[in-house]
Amino acid sequence: MTPGRRAQVVGVGLCLLAAACAYYRLTARACLYSDQEPSQGTAPAAYVVLTSRPAPAQEKRSVAVCESYQRNLEPLAAFRDAATSEVVVTYWLLGMKKGTPCPRNCENLVGRYDYVRASRIAARVERPGVSGPLLVAFAPPPTAGGSGDSLVLDLSDFSDEDLDRAFGIWKDRISRDPSVWKSGFQIVLIREACRNFVEKYGKDILIVVKAS
């Protein structure tokens, strides 16, 4: 390879790397109050959706989901210096009004969860009645440079042991701008990352709902 050709290849590689870095988003968690809307920007807004109020015997499962959520996503306050457009937030829905401190304990977070809002989100992504939980991300609308589609990862049948890996894949996939969600969620790319889960739990665990 000639020096000029080598420089050209290196230059293209650096451009691709720079583009990837430019579009990679931070991922965070935060509480979303019942009288609050998510921040509007050019990144998806995502949610942990508990589809129904748990019976006493099921509360342990909801707490396990909450603990995995907290382990795998840093609090939004940790990225206070980042621009809104750089952070993809997965929200925990709270049935409390803004101004009330967000509980830190998962038992309290589950006990104060906003099941009404969650049921509306589940219906919007065509998943009412599933046992859940769901991880749901809404791409920005076309006016903000997105597609308006929604991505759903259905954890209904996931074992507690698989929750951390599921949140890890979720954290990675929804933070990739052009390759995954900017022009509509790319189900093939995301399904590839979730290949083992798809083989174990079935392809219906992961769907894209097109904007109407």
Protein backbone atom coordinates (compact mmCIF):
# COMPACT_ATOMS: atom_id res chain seq x y z
CA MET A 1 0.00 0.00 0.00
CA THR A 2 1.39 3.38 -0.99
CA PRO A 3 1.85 6.09 1.69
CA GLY A 4 -0.88 8.17 0.08
CA ARG A 5 -3.32 5.23 0.04
CA ARG A 6 -2.43 4.33 3.63
CA ALA A 7 -3.13 7.91 4.75
CA GLN A 8 -6.45 7.84 2.92
CA VAL A 9 -7.53 4.61 4.64
CA VAL A 10 -6.46 5.90 8.06
CA GLY A 11 -8.33 9.14 7.40
CA VAL A 12 -11.53 7.29 6.50
CA GLY A 13 -11.18 5.14 9.63
CA LEU A 14 -10.77 8.17 11.84
CA CYS A 15 -13.81 9.82 10.24
CA LEU A 16 -15.92 6.72 10.89
CA LEU A 17 -14.69 6.56 14.48
CA ALA A 18 -15.43 10.24 14.99
CA ALA A 19 -18.92 9.80 13.56
CA ALA A 20 -19.61 6.86 15.86
CA CYS A 21 -18.40 8.80 18.89
CA ALA A 22 -20.40 11.86 17.89
CA TYR A 23 -23.64 9.94 17.79
CA TYR A 24 -23.16 7.70 20.81
CA ARG A 25 -25.43 8.83 23.64
CA LEU A 26 -25.07 8.54 27.39
CA THR A 27 -27.71 6.43 29.13
CA ALA A 28 -29.27 7.27 32.48
CA ARG A 29 -32.19 6.63 34.80
CA ALA A 30 -34.57 9.06 36.45
CA CYS A 31 -37.98 9.23 38.09
CA LEU A 32 -40.83 10.69 36.04
CA TYR A 33 -43.62 12.17 38.13
CA SER A 34 -47.31 11.89 37.29
CA ASP A 35 -47.54 15.61 36.40
CA GLN A 36 -44.27 15.64 34.44
CA GLU A 37 -43.39 14.98 30.80
CA PRO A 38 -40.00 13.67 29.64
CA SER A 39 -37.48 16.14 28.30
CA GLN A 40 -37.96 16.81 24.61
CA GLY A 41 -34.86 16.35 22.52
CA THR A 42 -33.31 14.40 19.70
CA ALA A 43 -32.86 11.18 21.71
CA PRO A 44 -35.47 8.53 22.56
CA ALA A 45 -37.47 8.66 25.80
CA ALA A 46 -37.61 5.24 27.45
CA TYR A 47 -39.59 3.67 30.28
CA VAL A 48 -39.70 0.70 32.61
CA VAL A 49 -43.34 -0.38 32.26
CA LEU A 50 -44.84 -2.50 35.03
CA THR A 51 -48.07 -3.56 33.36
CA SER A 52 -50.16 -4.28 36.44
CA ARG A 53 -50.11 -3.76 40.17
CA PRO A 54 -48.37 -6.84 41.62
CA ALA A 55 -50.06 -9.20 44.02
CA PRO A 56 -48.09 -9.70 47.26
CA ALA A 57 -46.48 -12.85 45.85
CA GLN A 58 -45.29 -10.91 42.77
CA GLU A 59 -43.78 -7.90 44.53
CA LYS A 60 -40.41 -9.62 44.81
CA ARG A 61 -40.22 -9.82 41.00
CA SER A 62 -40.98 -6.10 40.58
CA VAL A 63 -38.35 -5.24 43.18
CA ALA A 64 -35.81 -7.42 41.33
CA VAL A 65 -36.56 -5.49 38.12
CA CYS A 66 -36.09 -2.19 39.96
CA GLU A 67 -32.78 -3.32 41.48
CA SER A 68 -31.45 -4.39 38.08
CA TYR A 69 -32.55 -1.05 36.64
CA GLN A 70 -30.62 0.79 39.35
CA ARG A 71 -27.52 -1.40 38.98
CA ASN A 72 -27.24 -0.97 35.24
CA LEU A 73 -28.14 2.69 34.70
CA GLU A 74 -26.49 5.66 36.35
CA PRO A 75 -28.73 8.42 37.77
CA LEU A 76 -29.39 11.36 35.46
CA ALA A 77 -27.88 13.70 38.06
CA ALA A 78 -24.49 12.11 37.35
CA PHE A 79 -24.59 13.69 33.87
CA ARG A 80 -25.66 17.19 34.89
CA ASP A 81 -22.95 18.68 32.67
CA ALA A 82 -24.17 16.86 29.55
CA ALA A 83 -26.57 18.41 27.05
CA THR A 84 -30.12 17.03 26.99
CA SER A 85 -29.60 15.71 23.47
CA GLU A 86 -26.64 13.60 24.64
CA VAL A 87 -28.55 11.55 27.22
CA VAL A 88 -31.08 8.76 26.68
CA VAL A 89 -33.12 8.47 29.87
CA THR A 90 -35.05 5.35 30.90
CA TYR A 91 -37.69 6.59 33.31
CA TRP A 92 -39.23 4.98 36.37
CA LEU A 93 -42.87 6.14 36.50
CA LEU A 94 -43.98 7.58 39.83
CA GLY A 95 -47.57 8.13 40.90
CA MET A 96 -46.54 11.26 42.79
CA LYS A 97 -46.40 14.92 41.86
CA LYS A 98 -43.18 16.71 41.03
CA GLY A 99 -41.43 18.18 44.05
CA THR A 100 -41.76 15.06 46.18
CA PRO A 101 -38.37 13.38 46.68
CA CYS A 102 -37.93 10.32 44.49
CA PRO A 103 -37.59 7.23 46.70
CA ARG A 104 -34.24 5.46 46.56
CA ASN A 105 -35.43 2.17 48.00
CA CYS A 106 -36.86 -0.25 45.41
CA GLU A 107 -39.67 -1.38 47.71
CA ASN A 108 -40.85 2.24 47.87
CA LEU A 109 -40.32 2.79 44.14
CA VAL A 110 -42.53 -0.20 43.38
CA GLY A 111 -45.08 0.85 46.00
CA ARG A 112 -45.35 4.36 44.52
CA TYR A 113 -45.26 3.30 40.86
CA ASP A 114 -47.67 4.98 38.41
CA TYR A 115 -49.61 1.98 37.09
CA VAL A 116 -52.19 4.19 35.35
CA ARG A 117 -49.60 5.84 33.14
CA ALA A 118 -47.86 2.51 32.58
CA SER A 119 -51.09 0.91 31.34
CA ARG A 120 -51.48 3.72 28.80
CA ILE A 121 -47.96 3.17 27.52
CA ALA A 122 -48.56 -0.59 27.27
CA ALA A 123 -51.72 0.04 25.24
CA ARG A 124 -49.90 2.50 22.99
CA VAL A 125 -47.31 -0.13 22.06
CA GLU A 126 -49.96 -2.81 21.59
CA ARG A 127 -49.00 -4.82 24.66
CA PRO A 128 -51.97 -4.54 27.06
CA GLY A 129 -52.52 -7.58 29.23
CA VAL A 130 -48.97 -8.99 29.14
CA SER A 131 -47.47 -9.76 32.52
CA GLY A 132 -44.41 -7.58 31.90
CA PRO A 133 -42.34 -5.76 32.71
CA LEU A 134 -41.69 -4.03 29.40
CA LEU A 135 -38.83 -1.80 28.39
CA VAL A 136 -40.23 0.75 25.95
CA ALA A 137 -38.42 3.47 24.01
CA PHE A 138 -40.11 6.10 21.86
CA ALA A 139 -37.99 7.56 19.08
CA PRO A 140 -38.24 11.32 18.58
CA PRO A 141 -40.93 12.45 16.13
CA PRO A 142 -39.94 13.26 12.53
CA THR A 143 -39.96 16.96 13.40
CA ALA A 144 -37.02 16.27 15.74
CA GLY A 145 -35.15 14.14 13.23
CA GLY A 146 -36.52 10.76 14.31
CA SER A 147 -39.17 8.32 13.12
CA GLY A 148 -41.68 8.38 15.97
CA ASP A 149 -41.51 4.56 16.17
CA SER A 150 -41.40 2.68 19.47
CA LEU A 151 -39.19 -0.22 20.51
CA VAL A 152 -40.44 -2.83 23.00
CA LEU A 153 -38.42 -5.43 24.89
CA ASP A 154 -40.88 -7.74 26.68
CA LEU A 155 -39.32 -9.21 29.84
CA SER A 156 -42.46 -11.12 30.86
CA ASP A 157 -40.81 -14.54 30.68
CA PHE A 158 -37.27 -13.50 31.61
CA SER A 159 -35.76 -15.12 34.68
CA ASP A 160 -34.41 -12.83 37.38
CA GLU A 161 -30.92 -14.05 36.47
CA ASP A 162 -31.31 -12.65 32.94
CA LEU A 163 -32.47 -9.17 33.98
CA ASP A 164 -29.01 -7.61 34.34
CA ARG A 165 -27.95 -8.74 30.88
CA ALA A 166 -31.25 -7.55 29.41
CA PHE A 167 -30.77 -4.08 30.91
CA GLY A 168 -27.16 -4.08 29.71
CA ILE A 169 -28.22 -4.76 26.11
CA TRP A 170 -31.00 -2.20 26.43
CA LYS A 171 -28.53 0.39 27.70
CA ASP A 172 -26.19 -0.23 24.78
CA ARG A 173 -28.71 -0.52 21.95
CA ILE A 174 -30.95 2.47 22.65
CA SER A 175 -27.95 4.76 22.97
CA ARG A 176 -26.80 4.20 19.39
CA ASP A 177 -28.22 6.99 17.26
CA PRO A 178 -27.91 6.49 13.50
CA SER A 179 -27.46 2.71 13.45
CA VAL A 180 -30.43 1.81 15.62
CA TRP A 181 -33.11 4.44 16.01
CA LYS A 182 -32.65 7.70 14.15
CA SER A 183 -34.24 6.45 10.90
CA GLY A 184 -36.57 4.04 12.68
CA PHE A 185 -35.53 1.34 15.13
CA GLN A 186 -33.46 -1.24 13.26
CA ILE A 187 -34.96 -4.48 14.55
CA VAL A 188 -32.35 -6.67 12.80
CA LEU A 189 -29.45 -4.94 14.57
CA ILE A 190 -31.14 -5.06 17.95
CA ARG A 191 -32.28 -8.66 17.52
CA GLU A 192 -28.70 -9.65 16.72
CA ALA A 193 -27.57 -8.19 20.04
CA CYS A 194 -30.37 -10.13 21.76
CA ARG A 195 -29.79 -13.34 19.80
CA ASN A 196 -29.48 -15.62 22.84
CA PHE A 197 -32.60 -14.14 24.41
CA VAL A 198 -34.54 -14.51 21.16
CA GLU A 199 -33.50 -18.16 20.96
CA LYS A 200 -34.44 -18.72 24.60
CA TYR A 201 -37.66 -16.69 24.88
CA GLY A 202 -38.86 -16.31 21.27
CA LYS A 203 -38.69 -13.55 18.66
CA ASP A 204 -41.82 -11.82 20.00
CA ILE A 205 -39.88 -10.48 23.00
CA LEU A 206 -38.59 -7.69 20.75
CA ILE A 207 -40.85 -5.65 18.47
CA VAL A 208 -40.94 -2.28 16.76
CA VAL A 209 -44.29 -0.51 16.65
CA LYS A 210 -44.46 1.89 13.71
CA ALA A 211 -45.75 5.38 14.34
CA SER A 212 -49.34 5.78 13.17
